[in-house]
């Protein structure tokens, strides 16, 4: 992968210590996250409505912790990070970094046994760039599409295309979600979130 992608992953809280540059698959499988990812919001400025908040429900959390903000801002901002940047099933609009192979066209694989006949490989190739349709999930979310993946034979091994499909149209509909670099750049770091909150509360 491009060094810029690895740098961004590290900024987002990912551990890249075991990335060796051997292959796209091995690099991705060696990356770990102990927190979740939050997409950057496109609707600005931050209004009172939940859909304009940088993270769903953060306005309510801030209101409940205003006394902490007044007395100890360092603790207040740390509380925000601890509350939102953790692995939790409570829905805040987060994306979970997820690494799982999906090989529905590879004979003798578990996915082939389960999904054989469900789709035609040539139909996948109409949308997905790659010589073989060996896929790898890299993210799961509560949004649409809720499954994000790459093709391991993508012609651009340093910066492959990210695709999405939703559980309701599972692989019957596939969308392009941008390159892997664009994908990781679409998320906020902890520091970026705090700057957004500061601009709301302190300016």
Protein backbone atom coordinates (compact mmCIF):
# COMPACT_ATOMS: atom_id res chain seq x y z
CA UNK A 1 0.00 0.00 0.00
CA UNK A 2 1.00 3.61 -0.49
CA UNK A 3 2.86 5.07 2.45
CA UNK A 4 0.30 7.88 2.56
CA UNK A 5 -2.44 5.32 3.23
CA UNK A 6 -0.46 3.68 6.01
CA UNK A 7 0.26 7.08 7.55
CA UNK A 8 -3.44 7.95 7.53
CA UNK A 9 -4.35 4.59 9.06
CA UNK A 10 -1.88 5.30 11.85
CA UNK A 11 -3.36 8.77 12.37
CA UNK A 12 -6.79 7.17 12.67
CA UNK A 13 -5.56 4.91 15.45
CA UNK A 14 -4.58 1.83 13.46
CA UNK A 15 -1.56 -0.28 14.32
CA UNK A 16 0.66 -0.75 11.24
CA UNK A 17 3.71 -2.17 13.06
CA UNK A 18 3.40 -5.55 11.36
CA UNK A 19 2.93 -4.32 7.80
CA UNK A 20 5.78 -5.79 5.72
CA UNK A 21 4.80 -4.81 2.18
CA UNK A 22 4.65 -8.45 1.06
CA UNK A 23 1.18 -8.30 -0.47
CA UNK A 24 -2.02 -6.28 -0.29
CA UNK A 25 -3.77 -9.12 1.51
CA UNK A 26 -1.04 -9.64 4.09
CA UNK A 27 -0.69 -5.93 4.70
CA UNK A 28 -4.39 -5.51 5.39
CA UNK A 29 -4.53 -8.61 7.57
CA UNK A 30 -1.67 -7.29 9.69
CA UNK A 31 -3.41 -3.98 10.52
CA UNK A 32 -5.46 -3.72 13.70
CA UNK A 33 -7.71 -1.07 15.24
CA UNK A 34 -8.77 -0.89 18.89
CA UNK A 35 -11.34 1.80 18.14
CA UNK A 36 -13.96 2.68 15.53
CA UNK A 37 -13.92 5.12 12.60
CA UNK A 38 -16.20 8.11 12.03
CA UNK A 39 -16.88 9.60 8.60
CA UNK A 40 -16.25 13.30 8.17
CA UNK A 41 -19.56 15.10 7.93
CA UNK A 42 -20.21 17.03 4.76
CA UNK A 43 -23.09 19.14 6.05
CA UNK A 44 -21.65 22.21 7.74
CA UNK A 45 -21.88 24.30 9.81
CA UNK A 46 -22.68 22.14 12.83
CA UNK A 47 -26.33 22.83 13.62
CA UNK A 48 -28.51 21.61 16.45
CA UNK A 49 -30.06 18.86 14.35
CA UNK A 50 -28.49 15.45 14.85
CA UNK A 51 -27.85 14.98 11.14
CA UNK A 52 -25.45 17.94 11.19
CA UNK A 53 -23.44 16.79 14.19
CA UNK A 54 -19.96 15.40 13.50
CA UNK A 55 -21.01 12.27 15.42
CA UNK A 56 -24.59 11.24 16.07
CA UNK A 57 -25.74 12.23 19.60
CA UNK A 58 -22.55 14.12 20.49
CA UNK A 59 -24.58 17.28 21.13
CA UNK A 60 -26.56 15.48 23.81
CA UNK A 61 -23.36 14.11 25.33
CA UNK A 62 -21.87 17.60 25.46
CA UNK A 63 -24.96 19.03 27.14
CA UNK A 64 -24.77 16.36 29.83
CA UNK A 65 -21.10 17.17 30.45
CA UNK A 66 -21.10 20.98 30.36
CA UNK A 67 -20.11 21.18 34.02
CA UNK A 68 -17.01 19.14 33.26
CA UNK A 69 -16.27 21.44 30.32
CA UNK A 70 -16.46 24.46 32.62
CA UNK A 71 -14.23 22.96 35.29
CA UNK A 72 -11.71 20.82 33.40
CA UNK A 73 -11.55 21.07 29.63
CA UNK A 74 -8.78 18.50 29.27
CA UNK A 75 -10.92 15.94 31.09
CA UNK A 76 -13.95 16.98 29.05
CA UNK A 77 -12.25 16.37 25.71
CA UNK A 78 -10.72 13.12 26.97
CA UNK A 79 -14.20 11.98 28.00
CA UNK A 80 -15.44 12.57 24.44
CA UNK A 81 -12.63 10.43 23.01
CA UNK A 82 -13.17 7.67 25.56
CA UNK A 83 -16.92 7.64 24.98
CA UNK A 84 -16.93 7.53 21.19
CA UNK A 85 -13.63 5.99 20.10
CA UNK A 86 -14.18 2.55 21.51
CA UNK A 87 -15.50 -0.73 20.16
CA UNK A 88 -19.20 -0.61 20.95
CA UNK A 89 -22.35 -1.87 19.25
CA UNK A 90 -24.23 1.29 20.24
CA UNK A 91 -24.92 3.12 16.99
CA UNK A 92 -23.17 6.47 16.58
CA UNK A 93 -22.69 6.27 12.81
CA UNK A 94 -19.34 4.56 13.22
CA UNK A 95 -17.53 2.21 10.86
CA UNK A 96 -15.83 -0.91 12.18
CA UNK A 97 -12.53 -1.93 10.61
CA UNK A 98 -13.10 -5.51 9.57
CA UNK A 99 -10.80 -7.88 7.71
CA UNK A 100 -12.49 -10.96 6.28
CA UNK A 101 -11.86 -12.82 3.04
CA UNK A 102 -14.83 -13.42 0.77
CA UNK A 103 -14.21 -15.92 -2.02
CA UNK A 104 -17.59 -17.05 -3.45
CA UNK A 105 -16.02 -18.11 -6.76
CA UNK A 106 -13.00 -20.02 -5.38
CA UNK A 107 -13.67 -23.75 -5.57
CA UNK A 108 -13.21 -25.65 -2.29
CA UNK A 109 -13.51 -22.48 -0.19
CA UNK A 110 -16.17 -22.18 2.51
CA UNK A 111 -17.68 -19.18 0.71
CA UNK A 112 -17.92 -21.15 -2.53
CA UNK A 113 -19.70 -23.98 -0.75
CA UNK A 114 -22.17 -21.52 0.80
CA UNK A 115 -22.76 -19.18 -2.14
CA UNK A 116 -22.13 -21.26 -5.28
CA UNK A 117 -24.73 -20.37 -7.92
CA UNK A 118 -25.87 -17.18 -6.18
CA UNK A 119 -23.99 -14.86 -8.56
CA UNK A 120 -22.08 -14.97 -11.81
CA UNK A 121 -18.42 -13.98 -11.61
CA UNK A 122 -18.69 -12.10 -14.89
CA UNK A 123 -21.38 -9.88 -13.38
CA UNK A 124 -18.99 -8.96 -10.56
CA UNK A 125 -16.31 -8.12 -13.12
CA UNK A 126 -18.62 -5.61 -14.79
CA UNK A 127 -18.20 -3.43 -11.69
CA UNK A 128 -15.15 -4.71 -9.83
CA UNK A 129 -11.67 -4.26 -11.29
CA UNK A 130 -9.56 -7.39 -10.99
CA UNK A 131 -8.61 -10.63 -12.69
CA UNK A 132 -10.04 -12.84 -9.94
CA UNK A 133 -12.97 -12.02 -7.69
CA UNK A 134 -11.24 -12.81 -4.41
CA UNK A 135 -12.54 -10.05 -2.15
CA UNK A 136 -11.67 -8.77 1.28
CA UNK A 137 -14.05 -6.93 3.57
CA UNK A 138 -12.36 -3.95 5.18
CA UNK A 139 -15.26 -2.24 6.94
CA UNK A 140 -18.75 -2.68 8.33
CA UNK A 141 -21.12 0.13 9.26
CA UNK A 142 -24.70 0.91 10.25
CA UNK A 143 -25.03 3.14 7.20
CA UNK A 144 -25.57 2.45 3.52
CA UNK A 145 -23.78 0.53 2.13
CA UNK A 146 -22.97 -1.41 5.28
CA UNK A 147 -20.28 -3.70 3.82
CA UNK A 148 -17.07 -2.21 2.37
CA UNK A 149 -14.54 -4.32 0.50
CA UNK A 150 -11.66 -4.39 -1.96
CA UNK A 151 -10.64 -6.85 -4.66
CA UNK A 152 -7.31 -8.51 -3.91
CA UNK A 153 -6.40 -8.65 -7.62
CA UNK A 154 -7.11 -4.95 -8.18
CA UNK A 155 -4.66 -3.68 -10.83
CA UNK A 156 -3.59 -0.90 -8.45
CA UNK A 157 -2.14 -2.86 -5.57
CA UNK A 158 -0.85 0.27 -3.84
CA UNK A 159 -4.22 2.01 -3.84
CA UNK A 160 -7.09 -0.32 -4.80
CA UNK A 161 -10.70 0.69 -5.31
CA UNK A 162 -13.10 0.31 -2.38
CA UNK A 163 -16.56 -1.04 -3.12
CA UNK A 164 -19.74 -1.20 -1.11
CA UNK A 165 -22.76 -3.45 -0.90
CA UNK A 166 -25.62 -3.50 1.56
CA UNK A 167 -27.08 -6.48 3.39
CA UNK A 168 -30.47 -5.80 1.80
CA UNK A 169 -29.04 -6.10 -1.74
CA UNK A 170 -26.06 -8.27 -0.83
CA UNK A 171 -23.76 -8.22 -3.88
CA UNK A 172 -26.74 -7.84 -6.21
CA UNK A 173 -25.88 -4.15 -6.11
CA UNK A 174 -22.26 -2.98 -5.84
CA UNK A 175 -21.08 0.63 -5.70
CA UNK A 176 -17.68 2.27 -6.06
CA UNK A 177 -16.70 4.13 -2.90
CA UNK A 178 -13.41 5.67 -4.03
CA UNK A 179 -9.84 4.51 -3.70
CA UNK A 180 -8.43 3.06 -0.48
CA UNK A 181 -6.61 6.34 0.12
CA UNK A 182 -9.84 8.32 -0.36
CA UNK A 183 -11.66 5.85 1.87
CA UNK A 184 -9.35 6.32 4.85
CA UNK A 185 -9.13 10.07 4.25
CA UNK A 186 -12.92 10.22 4.59
CA UNK A 187 -12.68 9.49 8.32
CA UNK A 188 -11.93 11.87 11.20
CA UNK A 189 -8.99 11.44 13.51
CA UNK A 190 -9.57 11.98 17.22
CA UNK A 191 -7.73 15.28 16.95
CA UNK A 192 -9.90 16.43 14.05
CA UNK A 193 -13.05 15.68 16.01
CA UNK A 194 -11.82 17.63 19.03
CA UNK A 195 -11.01 20.62 16.80
CA UNK A 196 -14.57 20.54 15.48
CA UNK A 197 -15.98 20.43 19.01
CA UNK A 198 -13.66 23.23 20.13
CA UNK A 199 -14.77 25.42 17.24
CA UNK A 200 -18.37 24.87 18.35
CA UNK A 201 -17.83 25.53 22.06
CA UNK A 202 -14.89 27.91 22.27
CA UNK A 203 -15.14 30.25 19.28
